[in-house]
Each structure stands twice: as C-alpha cells, then as structure tokens.
Amino acid sequence: MLTSILICISIHSAVGLSESYMYVCICNGITDRDVREAVHAGASDLSQLSAMTGCSTVCGSCGDLALEIMEETRREHFSLPLLAA
C-alpha cells in the first residue's frame, strides 16, 4: 500500500502577506503552485505536467494528486461563465 505524505509550508513576505503551498511531489520538490502554473502555461495531462515540472517522474505516487489539482485548476480558471436567461 502506498502512503502519500502531504507537507504544507507557509511563505511569509516582508509585507506581511502569506501564501501556503502544499508539496505534491516530494521526490522533485514540486508544489501545488508549480502544478497550477503548469496548467496555466498549457499542461493538459500528466505527461505534459511531468515534462514541464518533473512531477511524477521518480516514484509516481504523486500522479493522482497532481491530476486532481490540474482538474481543479482547469475548473477554476477555464470555466465558462453562466449566462442569464
């Protein structure tokens, strides 16, 4: 049985803003932010994401989570607006 370890970090800027990132791929240090940026840059499947970021190229246990984040990002960013009737 594979066990996924999710590690979250917080980055605090000098102006007091904070952003939280979750490591998706521990082997290559890929965060959810990296995955989202790759989707915005055109990655549409795991093979393209892997080529762009290195995610899921070592042990592969992060692939399912990476795909979930990709789908979530596409829904958030590329969703069509609802038209009023």
PDB file of N, CA and C in Angstrom:
ATOM      1  N   MET A   1       0.850  -1.177   0.000  1.00  0.00           N
ATOM      2  CA  MET A   1       0.000   0.000   0.000  1.00  0.00           C
ATOM      3  C   MET A   1       0.895   1.240   0.000  1.00  0.00           C
ATOM      4  N   LEU A   2       0.603   2.151  -0.901  1.00  0.00           N
ATOM      5  CA  LEU A   2       1.359   3.397  -0.960  1.00  0.00           C
ATOM      6  C   LEU A   2       0.768   4.403   0.002  1.00  0.00           C
ATOM      7  N   THR A   3       1.629   5.112   0.649  1.00  0.00           N
ATOM      8  CA  THR A   3       1.192   6.158   1.565  1.00  0.00           C
ATOM      9  C   THR A   3       1.689   7.488   1.029  1.00  0.00           C
ATOM     10  N   SER A   4       0.794   8.431   0.881  1.00  0.00           N
ATOM     11  CA  SER A   4       1.178   9.767   0.432  1.00  0.00           C
ATOM     12  C   SER A   4       1.409  10.646   1.647  1.00  0.00           C
ATOM     13  N   ILE A   5       2.459  11.407   1.598  1.00  0.00           N
ATOM     14  CA  ILE A   5       2.754  12.353   2.654  1.00  0.00           C
ATOM     15  C   ILE A   5       2.560  13.741   2.085  1.00  0.00           C
ATOM     16  N   LEU A   6       1.683  14.500   2.701  1.00  0.00           N
ATOM     17  CA  LEU A   6       1.419  15.858   2.250  1.00  0.00           C
ATOM     18  C   LEU A   6       2.075  16.813   3.235  1.00  0.00           C
ATOM     19  N   ILE A   7       2.893  17.676   2.729  1.00  0.00           N
ATOM     20  CA  ILE A   7       3.592  18.644   3.558  1.00  0.00           C
ATOM     21  C   ILE A   7       3.193  20.029   3.099  1.00  0.00           C
ATOM     22  N   CYS A   8       2.731  20.838   4.018  1.00  0.00           N
ATOM     23  CA  CYS A   8       2.361  22.211   3.698  1.00  0.00           C
ATOM     24  C   CYS A   8       3.387  23.156   4.307  1.00  0.00           C
ATOM     25  N   ILE A   9       3.695  24.202   3.566  1.00  0.00           N
ATOM     26  CA  ILE A   9       4.593  25.230   4.076  1.00  0.00           C
ATOM     27  C   ILE A   9       3.926  26.579   3.904  1.00  0.00           C
ATOM     28  N   SER A  10       4.329  27.517   4.715  1.00  0.00           N
ATOM     29  CA  SER A  10       3.825  28.882   4.586  1.00  0.00           C
ATOM     30  C   SER A  10       4.993  29.790   4.263  1.00  0.00           C
ATOM     31  N   ILE A  11       4.777  30.650   3.316  1.00  0.00           N
ATOM     32  CA  ILE A  11       5.767  31.636   2.920  1.00  0.00           C
ATOM     33  C   ILE A  11       5.254  32.993   3.389  1.00  0.00           C
ATOM     34  N   HIS A  12       6.032  33.670   4.189  1.00  0.00           N
ATOM     35  CA  HIS A  12       5.638  34.989   4.681  1.00  0.00           C
ATOM     36  C   HIS A  12       6.536  36.045   4.032  1.00  0.00           C
ATOM     37  N   SER A  13       5.917  36.980   3.385  1.00  0.00           N
ATOM     38  CA  SER A  13       6.688  38.026   2.719  1.00  0.00           C
ATOM     39  C   SER A  13       6.987  39.160   3.687  1.00  0.00           C
ATOM     40  N   ALA A  14       7.834  40.049   3.251  1.00  0.00           N
ATOM     41  CA  ALA A  14       8.234  41.180   4.086  1.00  0.00           C
ATOM     42  C   ALA A  14       7.073  42.113   4.378  1.00  0.00           C
ATOM     43  N   VAL A  15       6.025  42.094   3.553  1.00  0.00           N
ATOM     44  CA  VAL A  15       4.887  42.982   3.753  1.00  0.00           C
ATOM     45  C   VAL A  15       3.769  42.326   4.559  1.00  0.00           C
ATOM     46  N   GLY A  16       4.030  41.156   5.093  1.00  0.00           N
ATOM     47  CA  GLY A  16       3.056  40.521   5.954  1.00  0.00           C
ATOM     48  C   GLY A  16       2.048  39.628   5.261  1.00  0.00           C
ATOM     49  N   LEU A  17       2.173  39.446   3.963  1.00  0.00           N
ATOM     50  CA  LEU A  17       1.266  38.542   3.256  1.00  0.00           C
ATOM     51  C   LEU A  17       1.782  37.121   3.399  1.00  0.00           C
ATOM     52  N   SER A  18       0.893  36.181   3.396  1.00  0.00           N
ATOM     53  CA  SER A  18       1.342  34.797   3.459  1.00  0.00           C
ATOM     54  C   SER A  18       0.634  33.976   2.397  1.00  0.00           C
ATOM     55  N   GLU A  19       1.340  33.008   1.907  1.00  0.00           N
ATOM     56  CA  GLU A  19       0.793  32.073   0.938  1.00  0.00           C
ATOM     57  C   GLU A  19       1.159  30.682   1.417  1.00  0.00           C
ATOM     58  N   SER A  20       0.256  29.758   1.305  1.00  0.00           N
ATOM     59  CA  SER A  20       0.539  28.383   1.692  1.00  0.00           C
ATOM     60  C   SER A  20       0.678  27.529   0.448  1.00  0.00           C
ATOM     61  N   TYR A  21       1.671  26.660   0.469  1.00  0.00           N
ATOM     62  CA  TYR A  21       1.900  25.740  -0.631  1.00  0.00           C
ATOM     63  C   TYR A  21       1.925  24.331  -0.074  1.00  0.00           C
ATOM     64  N   MET A  22       1.455  23.403  -0.857  1.00  0.00           N
ATOM     65  CA  MET A  22       1.487  22.003  -0.470  1.00  0.00           C
ATOM     66  C   MET A  22       2.427  21.274  -1.421  1.00  0.00           C
ATOM     67  N   TYR A  23       3.346  20.499  -0.883  1.00  0.00           N
ATOM     68  CA  TYR A  23       4.193  19.676  -1.733  1.00  0.00           C
ATOM     69  C   TYR A  23       3.364  18.540  -2.302  1.00  0.00           C
ATOM     70  N   VAL A  24       3.370  18.438  -3.601  1.00  0.00           N
ATOM     71  CA  VAL A  24       2.664  17.389  -4.308  1.00  0.00           C
ATOM     72  C   VAL A  24       3.636  16.244  -4.590  1.00  0.00           C
ATOM     73  N   CYS A  25       4.810  16.592  -5.066  1.00  0.00           N
ATOM     74  CA  CYS A  25       5.853  15.622  -5.423  1.00  0.00           C
ATOM     75  C   CYS A  25       7.063  15.857  -4.520  1.00  0.00           C
ATOM     76  N   ILE A  26       7.208  14.988  -3.529  1.00  0.00           N
ATOM     77  CA  ILE A  26       8.324  15.118  -2.602  1.00  0.00           C
ATOM     78  C   ILE A  26       9.647  14.804  -3.306  1.00  0.00           C
ATOM     79  N   CYS A  27       9.654  13.844  -4.205  1.00  0.00           N
ATOM     80  CA  CYS A  27      10.880  13.440  -4.897  1.00  0.00           C
ATOM     81  C   CYS A  27      11.553  14.606  -5.619  1.00  0.00           C
ATOM     82  N   ASN A  28      10.742  15.467  -6.253  1.00  0.00           N
ATOM     83  CA  ASN A  28      11.283  16.576  -7.042  1.00  0.00           C
ATOM     84  C   ASN A  28      10.968  17.953  -6.467  1.00  0.00           C
ATOM     85  N   GLY A  29      10.336  17.998  -5.297  1.00  0.00           N
ATOM     86  CA  GLY A  29      10.048  19.291  -4.659  1.00  0.00           C
ATOM     87  C   GLY A  29       9.027  20.123  -5.412  1.00  0.00           C
ATOM     88  N   ILE A  30       8.027  19.477  -6.012  1.00  0.00           N
ATOM     89  CA  ILE A  30       7.011  20.181  -6.797  1.00  0.00           C
ATOM     90  C   ILE A  30       5.821  20.497  -5.891  1.00  0.00           C
ATOM     91  N   THR A  31       5.392  21.755  -5.899  1.00  0.00           N
ATOM     92  CA  THR A  31       4.266  22.182  -5.071  1.00  0.00           C
ATOM     93  C   THR A  31       2.992  22.301  -5.894  1.00  0.00           C
ATOM     94  N   ASP A  32       1.878  22.477  -5.195  1.00  0.00           N
ATOM     95  CA  ASP A  32       0.612  22.682  -5.911  1.00  0.00           C
ATOM     96  C   ASP A  32       0.678  23.944  -6.756  1.00  0.00           C
ATOM     97  N   ARG A  33       1.434  24.933  -6.308  1.00  0.00           N
ATOM     98  CA  ARG A  33       1.590  26.158  -7.094  1.00  0.00           C
ATOM     99  C   ARG A  33       2.278  25.851  -8.424  1.00  0.00           C
ATOM    100  N   ASP A  34       3.308  24.999  -8.381  1.00  0.00           N
ATOM    101  CA  ASP A  34       4.000  24.615  -9.614  1.00  0.00           C
ATOM    102  C   ASP A  34       3.043  23.915 -10.584  1.00  0.00           C
ATOM    103  N   VAL A  35       2.189  23.041 -10.044  1.00  0.00           N
ATOM    104  CA  VAL A  35       1.221  22.329 -10.875  1.00  0.00           C
ATOM    105  C   VAL A  35       0.244  23.317 -11.502  1.00  0.00           C
ATOM    106  N   ARG A  36      -0.273  24.239 -10.685  1.00  0.00           N
ATOM    107  CA  ARG A  36      -1.228  25.226 -11.196  1.00  0.00           C
ATOM    108  C   ARG A  36      -0.589  26.113 -12.274  1.00  0.00           C
ATOM    109  N   GLU A  37       0.655  26.524 -12.055  1.00  0.00           N
ATOM    110  CA  GLU A  37       1.345  27.349 -13.048  1.00  0.00           C
ATOM    111  C   GLU A  37       1.532  26.580 -14.357  1.00  0.00           C
ATOM    112  N   ALA A  38       1.814  25.294 -14.258  1.00  0.00           N
ATOM    113  CA  ALA A  38       1.975  24.487 -15.476  1.00  0.00           C
ATOM    114  C   ALA A  38       0.660  24.381 -16.238  1.00  0.00           C
ATOM    115  N   VAL A  39      -0.452  24.251 -15.524  1.00  0.00           N
ATOM    116  CA  VAL A  39      -1.767  24.211 -16.189  1.00  0.00           C
ATOM    117  C   VAL A  39      -2.027  25.535 -16.891  1.00  0.00           C
ATOM    118  N   HIS A  40      -1.732  26.642 -16.222  1.00  0.00           N
ATOM    119  CA  HIS A  40      -1.919  27.958 -16.851  1.00  0.00           C
ATOM    120  C   HIS A  40      -1.016  28.128 -18.068  1.00  0.00           C
ATOM    121  N   ALA A  41       0.131  27.434 -18.068  1.00  0.00           N
ATOM    122  CA  ALA A  41       1.064  27.512 -19.195  1.00  0.00           C
ATOM    123  C   ALA A  41       0.727  26.515 -20.304  1.00  0.00           C
ATOM    124  N   GLY A  42      -0.311  25.679 -20.088  1.00  0.00           N
ATOM    125  CA  GLY A  42      -0.758  24.806 -21.154  1.00  0.00           C
ATOM    126  C   GLY A  42      -0.734  23.313 -20.896  1.00  0.00           C
ATOM    127  N   ALA A  43      -0.234  22.863 -19.751  1.00  0.00           N
ATOM    128  CA  ALA A  43      -0.228  21.423 -19.460  1.00  0.00           C
ATOM    129  C   ALA A  43      -1.668  20.930 -19.360  1.00  0.00           C
ATOM    130  N   SER A  44      -1.987  19.881 -20.108  1.00  0.00           N
ATOM    131  CA  SER A  44      -3.361  19.387 -20.100  1.00  0.00           C
ATOM    132  C   SER A  44      -3.478  17.938 -19.648  1.00  0.00           C
ATOM    133  N   ASP A  45      -2.347  17.268 -19.450  1.00  0.00           N
ATOM    134  CA  ASP A  45      -2.388  15.904 -18.933  1.00  0.00           C
ATOM    135  C   ASP A  45      -1.116  15.642 -18.127  1.00  0.00           C
ATOM    136  N   LEU A  46      -1.055  14.474 -17.506  1.00  0.00           N
ATOM    137  CA  LEU A  46       0.061  14.178 -16.605  1.00  0.00           C
ATOM    138  C   LEU A  46       1.392  14.114 -17.339  1.00  0.00           C
ATOM    139  N   SER A  47       1.392  13.631 -18.567  1.00  0.00           N
ATOM    140  CA  SER A  47       2.663  13.565 -19.300  1.00  0.00           C
ATOM    141  C   SER A  47       3.209  14.957 -19.606  1.00  0.00           C
ATOM    142  N   GLN A  48       2.327  15.889 -19.946  1.00  0.00           N
ATOM    143  CA  GLN A  48       2.769  17.264 -20.185  1.00  0.00           C
ATOM    144  C   GLN A  48       3.224  17.918 -18.884  1.00  0.00           C
ATOM    145  N   LEU A  49       2.487  17.672 -17.807  1.00  0.00           N
ATOM    146  CA  LEU A  49       2.887  18.207 -16.499  1.00  0.00           C
ATOM    147  C   LEU A  49       4.253  17.668 -16.110  1.00  0.00           C
ATOM    148  N   SER A  50       4.462  16.372 -16.310  1.00  0.00           N
ATOM    149  CA  SER A  50       5.745  15.749 -15.979  1.00  0.00           C
ATOM    150  C   SER A  50       6.883  16.369 -16.779  1.00  0.00           C
ATOM    151  N   ALA A  51       6.646  16.610 -18.056  1.00  0.00           N
ATOM    152  CA  ALA A  51       7.673  17.209 -18.910  1.00  0.00           C
ATOM    153  C   ALA A  51       8.005  18.633 -18.478  1.00  0.00           C
ATOM    154  N   MET A  52       6.984  19.362 -18.018  1.00  0.00           N
ATOM    155  CA  MET A  52       7.181  20.764 -17.644  1.00  0.00           C
ATOM    156  C   MET A  52       7.772  20.928 -16.250  1.00  0.00           C
ATOM    157  N   THR A  53       7.432  20.020 -15.332  1.00  0.00           N
ATOM    158  CA  THR A  53       7.815  20.215 -13.928  1.00  0.00           C
ATOM    159  C   THR A  53       8.671  19.106 -13.343  1.00  0.00           C
ATOM    160  N   GLY A  54       8.622  17.918 -13.909  1.00  0.00           N
ATOM    161  CA  GLY A  54       9.290  16.767 -13.321  1.00  0.00           C
ATOM    162  C   GLY A  54       8.402  16.003 -12.351  1.00  0.00           C
ATOM    163  N   CYS A  55       7.195  16.486 -12.144  1.00  0.00           N
ATOM    164  CA  CYS A  55       6.248  15.843 -11.235  1.00  0.00           C
ATOM    165  C   CYS A  55       5.925  14.434 -11.730  1.00  0.00           C
ATOM    166  N   SER A  56       5.933  13.465 -10.833  1.00  0.00           N
ATOM    167  CA  SER A  56       5.559  12.075 -11.113  1.00  0.00           C
ATOM    168  C   SER A  56       6.554  11.359 -12.022  1.00  0.00           C
ATOM    169  N   THR A  57       7.821  11.784 -12.013  1.00  0.00           N
ATOM    170  CA  THR A  57       8.822  11.140 -12.861  1.00  0.00           C
ATOM    171  C   THR A  57       9.747  10.202 -12.094  1.00  0.00           C
ATOM    172  N   VAL A  58       9.641  10.181 -10.756  1.00  0.00           N
ATOM    173  CA  VAL A  58      10.529   9.318  -9.976  1.00  0.00           C
ATOM    174  C   VAL A  58       9.753   8.109  -9.471  1.00  0.00           C
ATOM    175  N   CYS A  59       8.970   8.261  -8.421  1.00  0.00           N
ATOM    176  CA  CYS A  59       8.240   7.103  -7.881  1.00  0.00           C
ATOM    177  C   CYS A  59       6.806   7.030  -8.397  1.00  0.00           C
ATOM    178  N   GLY A  60       6.244   8.159  -8.839  1.00  0.00           N
ATOM    179  CA  GLY A  60       4.908   8.172  -9.427  1.00  0.00           C
ATOM    180  C   GLY A  60       3.748   8.229  -8.452  1.00  0.00           C
ATOM    181  N   SER A  61       4.015   8.198  -7.149  1.00  0.00           N
ATOM    182  CA  SER A  61       2.905   8.168  -6.188  1.00  0.00           C
ATOM    183  C   SER A  61       2.140   9.485  -6.106  1.00  0.00           C
ATOM    184  N   CYS A  62       2.666  10.535  -6.676  1.00  0.00           N
ATOM    185  CA  CYS A  62       2.004  11.839  -6.632  1.00  0.00           C
ATOM    186  C   CYS A  62       1.066  12.059  -7.817  1.00  0.00           C
ATOM    187  N   GLY A  63       1.040  11.153  -8.768  1.00  0.00           N
ATOM    188  CA  GLY A  63       0.288  11.343 -10.001  1.00  0.00           C
ATOM    189  C   GLY A  63      -1.186  11.626  -9.800  1.00  0.00           C
ATOM    190  N   ASP A  64      -1.848  10.860  -8.931  1.00  0.00           N
ATOM    191  CA  ASP A  64      -3.288  11.064  -8.711  1.00  0.00           C
ATOM    192  C   ASP A  64      -3.579  12.438  -8.121  1.00  0.00           C
ATOM    193  N   LEU A  65      -2.781  12.850  -7.136  1.00  0.00           N
ATOM    194  CA  LEU A  65      -2.986  14.170  -6.526  1.00  0.00           C
ATOM    195  C   LEU A  65      -2.713  15.268  -7.545  1.00  0.00           C
ATOM    196  N   ALA A  66      -1.674  15.112  -8.333  1.00  0.00           N
ATOM    197  CA  ALA A  66      -1.361  16.108  -9.358  1.00  0.00           C
ATOM    198  C   ALA A  66      -2.520  16.247 -10.348  1.00  0.00           C
ATOM    199  N   LEU A  67      -3.112  15.120 -10.750  1.00  0.00           N
ATOM    200  CA  LEU A  67      -4.257  15.173 -11.663  1.00  0.00           C
ATOM    201  C   LEU A  67      -5.455  15.866 -11.029  1.00  0.00           C
ATOM    202  N   GLU A  68      -5.691  15.637  -9.741  1.00  0.00           N
ATOM    203  CA  GLU A  68      -6.783  16.320  -9.042  1.00  0.00           C
ATOM    204  C   GLU A  68      -6.564  17.826  -9.032  1.00  0.00           C
ATOM    205  N   ILE A  69      -5.344  18.253  -8.764  1.00  0.00           N
ATOM    206  CA  ILE A  69      -5.037  19.686  -8.737  1.00  0.00           C
ATOM    207  C   ILE A  69      -5.162  20.280 -10.128  1.00  0.00           C
ATOM    208  N   MET A  70      -4.737  19.537 -11.138  1.00  0.00           N
ATOM    209  CA  MET A  70      -4.880  20.015 -12.512  1.00  0.00           C
ATOM    210  C   MET A  70      -6.346  20.227 -12.860  1.00  0.00           C
ATOM    211  N   GLU A  71      -7.188  19.250 -12.525  1.00  0.00           N
ATOM    212  CA  GLU A  71      -8.617  19.361 -12.828  1.00  0.00           C
ATOM    213  C   GLU A  71      -9.249  20.533 -12.075  1.00  0.00           C
ATOM    214  N   GLU A  72      -8.907  20.673 -10.817  1.00  0.00           N
ATOM    215  CA  GLU A  72      -9.425  21.789 -10.015  1.00  0.00           C
ATOM    216  C   GLU A  72      -9.014  23.123 -10.624  1.00  0.00           C
ATOM    217  N   THR A  73      -7.775  23.215 -11.062  1.00  0.00           N
ATOM    218  CA  THR A  73      -7.269  24.457 -11.662  1.00  0.00           C
ATOM    219  C   THR A  73      -7.991  24.770 -12.958  1.00  0.00           C
ATOM    220  N   ARG A  74      -8.212  23.734 -13.776  1.00  0.00           N
ATOM    221  CA  ARG A  74      -8.951  23.957 -15.027  1.00  0.00           C
ATOM    222  C   ARG A  74     -10.371  24.436 -14.740  1.00  0.00           C
ATOM    223  N   ARG A  75     -11.021  23.824 -13.749  1.00  0.00           N
ATOM    224  CA  ARG A  75     -12.389  24.242 -13.410  1.00  0.00           C
ATOM    225  C   ARG A  75     -12.407  25.697 -12.946  1.00  0.00           C
ATOM    226  N   GLU A  76     -11.456  26.087 -12.113  1.00  0.00           N
ATOM    227  CA  GLU A  76     -11.409  27.448 -11.571  1.00  0.00           C
ATOM    228  C   GLU A  76     -11.048  28.474 -12.630  1.00  0.00           C
ATOM    229  N   HIS A  77     -10.088  28.140 -13.461  1.00  0.00           N
ATOM    230  CA  HIS A  77      -9.535  29.125 -14.381  1.00  0.00           C
ATOM    231  C   HIS A  77     -10.214  29.155 -15.739  1.00  0.00           C
ATOM    232  N   PHE A  78     -10.637  27.994 -16.210  1.00  0.00           N
ATOM    233  CA  PHE A  78     -11.159  27.911 -17.568  1.00  0.00           C
ATOM    234  C   PHE A  78     -12.658  27.665 -17.614  1.00  0.00           C
ATOM    235  N   SER A  79     -13.352  27.853 -16.508  1.00  0.00           N
ATOM    236  CA  SER A  79     -14.790  27.600 -16.510  1.00  0.00           C
ATOM    237  C   SER A  79     -15.521  28.664 -17.315  1.00  0.00           C
ATOM    238  N   LEU A  80     -16.571  28.253 -17.971  1.00  0.00           N
ATOM    239  CA  LEU A  80     -17.368  29.178 -18.764  1.00  0.00           C
ATOM    240  C   LEU A  80     -18.336  29.908 -17.842  1.00  0.00           C
ATOM    241  N   PRO A  81     -18.545  31.193 -18.063  1.00  0.00           N
ATOM    242  CA  PRO A  81     -19.499  31.931 -17.233  1.00  0.00           C
ATOM    243  C   PRO A  81     -20.928  31.485 -17.521  1.00  0.00           C
ATOM    244  N   LEU A  82     -21.754  31.534 -16.514  1.00  0.00           N
ATOM    245  CA  LEU A  82     -23.164  31.204 -16.689  1.00  0.00           C
ATOM    246  C   LEU A  82     -23.880  32.387 -17.329  1.00  0.00           C
ATOM    247  N   LEU A  83     -24.719  32.115 -18.273  1.00  0.00           N
ATOM    248  CA  LEU A  83     -25.452  33.170 -18.956  1.00  0.00           C
ATOM    249  C   LEU A  83     -26.831  33.323 -18.308  1.00  0.00           C
ATOM    250  N   ALA A  84     -27.239  34.557 -18.093  1.00  0.00           N
ATOM    251  CA  ALA A  84     -28.565  34.807 -17.522  1.00  0.00           C
ATOM    252  C   ALA A  84     -29.618  34.534 -18.576  1.00  0.00           C
ATOM    253  N   ALA A  85     -30.721  33.971 -18.148  1.00  0.00           N
ATOM    254  CA  ALA A  85     -31.801  33.652 -19.088  1.00  0.00           C
ATOM    255  C   ALA A  85     -32.664  34.860 -19.361  1.00  0.00           C
TER     256      ALA A  85
END
